[in-house]
Protein backbone atom coordinates (compact mmCIF):
# COMPACT_ATOMS: atom_id res chain seq x y z
CA MET A 1 148.58 -210.13 141.96
CA VAL A 2 145.12 -211.65 142.41
CA LYS A 3 142.20 -209.62 143.75
CA ILE A 4 142.22 -209.76 147.56
CA ARG A 5 139.11 -210.81 149.46
CA ALA A 6 138.29 -209.04 152.73
CA HIS A 7 137.09 -212.16 154.56
CA LYS A 8 140.49 -213.79 154.01
CA LEU A 9 142.22 -210.74 155.46
CA ARG A 10 140.22 -210.76 158.68
CA GLY A 11 141.93 -213.90 159.96
CA LYS A 12 145.42 -212.43 159.61
CA LYS A 13 147.41 -210.63 162.29
CA LYS A 14 148.22 -206.94 162.12
CA GLU A 15 151.89 -207.51 161.21
CA GLU A 16 150.90 -209.72 158.28
CA LEU A 17 148.42 -207.10 157.09
CA LEU A 18 151.05 -204.35 157.30
CA ASN A 19 153.52 -206.49 155.35
CA GLN A 20 150.91 -207.12 152.68
CA LEU A 21 150.12 -203.41 152.58
CA ASN A 22 153.78 -202.56 151.99
CA GLU A 23 154.01 -205.15 149.21
CA LEU A 24 150.91 -203.73 147.53
CA LYS A 25 152.23 -200.18 147.78
CA THR A 26 155.57 -201.13 146.22
CA GLU A 27 153.72 -202.96 143.46
CA LEU A 28 151.56 -199.91 142.83
CA GLN A 29 154.67 -197.76 142.65
CA GLN A 30 156.21 -200.09 140.05
CA LEU A 31 152.98 -200.09 138.03
CA ASN A 32 152.86 -196.29 138.07
CA VAL A 33 156.46 -196.17 136.83
CA SER A 34 155.59 -198.59 134.01
CA LYS A 35 152.58 -196.42 133.17
CA VAL A 36 154.82 -193.36 132.76
CA THR A 37 157.36 -195.28 130.66
CA GLY A 38 154.59 -196.66 128.45
CA GLY A 39 153.99 -200.15 129.81
CA ALA A 40 151.72 -202.89 128.54
CA PRO A 41 147.94 -202.42 128.77
CA SER A 42 147.69 -205.42 131.10
CA LYS A 43 149.83 -203.58 133.64
CA LEU A 44 147.73 -200.44 133.31
CA SER A 45 144.53 -202.35 134.08
CA LYS A 46 146.23 -203.90 137.10
CA ILE A 47 146.65 -200.48 138.78
CA LYS A 48 142.96 -200.31 139.69
CA ILE A 49 143.00 -203.81 141.23
CA VAL A 50 146.05 -202.99 143.36
CA ARG A 51 144.54 -199.67 144.53
CA LYS A 52 141.32 -201.41 145.57
CA SER A 53 143.33 -204.12 147.36
CA ILE A 54 145.23 -201.47 149.32
CA ALA A 55 141.89 -199.95 150.33
CA ARG A 56 140.60 -203.35 151.47
CA VAL A 57 143.68 -203.99 153.62
CA LEU A 58 143.43 -200.54 155.21
CA THR A 59 139.71 -201.04 155.84
CA VAL A 60 140.28 -204.40 157.56
CA ILE A 61 143.06 -202.90 159.72
CA SER A 62 140.85 -200.02 160.86
CA GLN A 63 137.83 -202.27 161.47
CA THR A 64 139.79 -204.73 163.63
CA GLN A 65 141.35 -201.84 165.55
CA ARG A 66 137.91 -200.35 166.15
CA ASP A 67 136.49 -203.72 167.29
CA ASN A 68 139.34 -204.13 169.78
CA LEU A 69 138.75 -200.64 171.15
CA GLN A 70 135.02 -201.34 171.51
CA LYS A 71 135.81 -204.51 173.49
CA PHE A 72 138.22 -202.55 175.70
CA TYR A 73 135.73 -199.77 176.48
CA LYS A 74 132.67 -202.04 176.73
CA ASN A 75 132.10 -201.84 180.50
CA LYS A 76 133.87 -198.54 181.15
CA LYS A 77 132.03 -195.46 182.37
CA TYR A 78 133.25 -193.19 179.57
CA LYS A 79 133.92 -193.99 175.90
CA PRO A 80 135.74 -191.99 173.24
CA ILE A 81 133.32 -189.93 171.14
CA ASP A 82 133.86 -191.92 167.94
CA LEU A 83 132.94 -195.18 169.74
CA ARG A 84 129.69 -193.88 171.22
CA SER A 85 126.39 -194.68 169.55
CA LYS A 86 125.42 -191.94 167.11
CA ARG A 87 121.60 -191.79 167.28
CA THR A 88 119.97 -188.36 166.89
CA ARG A 89 120.75 -185.28 168.95
CA ALA A 90 117.37 -185.41 170.70
CA GLN A 91 117.81 -189.09 171.58
CA ARG A 92 121.27 -188.46 173.02
CA ARG A 93 119.92 -185.71 175.26
CA ALA A 94 116.79 -187.55 176.37
CA LEU A 95 116.57 -189.07 179.84
CA THR A 96 117.66 -192.67 180.19
CA LYS A 97 115.08 -195.28 181.26
CA HIS A 98 116.52 -195.26 184.76
CA GLU A 99 116.40 -191.48 185.05
CA ALA A 100 112.84 -191.31 183.68
CA SER A 101 111.52 -193.94 186.09
CA ARG A 102 112.94 -192.33 189.25
CA LYS A 103 110.56 -190.56 191.63
CA THR A 104 111.16 -187.82 194.15
CA LEU A 105 110.60 -188.44 197.85
CA ARG A 106 107.56 -186.17 197.75
CA GLN A 107 106.03 -188.14 194.85
CA ILE A 108 106.64 -191.45 196.67
CA LYS A 109 104.90 -190.13 199.82
CA LYS A 110 102.00 -188.80 197.75
CA ASP A 111 101.58 -192.17 196.00
CA THR A 112 101.61 -194.14 199.27
CA HIS A 113 99.25 -191.88 201.20
CA PHE A 114 96.83 -191.10 198.40
CA SER A 115 96.85 -194.22 196.29
CA LEU A 116 94.03 -195.02 193.90
CA ARG A 117 91.37 -197.34 195.29
């Protein structure tokens, strides 16, 4: 099997990706059997390519799933923790721009009655 490119996988549907994943896993199983029985060196070098291809397929599946979840939760009030922006702990706990710009009723009255000249 030829080395799989990730950008070609992104256009495929999930069912196609899962079928390809199953094919790669069966091929890897056959290669491992041939390794134990003392197969040709060309087959032994193919094991690494198949393993990396399986990783690429799994990566594309998880990335597309994550993108779909991000689209689903885009305008919702709450998001799952793994979809929230990471940032630093201090930044997550800091006031938002809206919260920081709000003024109390007392501060508003003080500003109107005692404004700078």
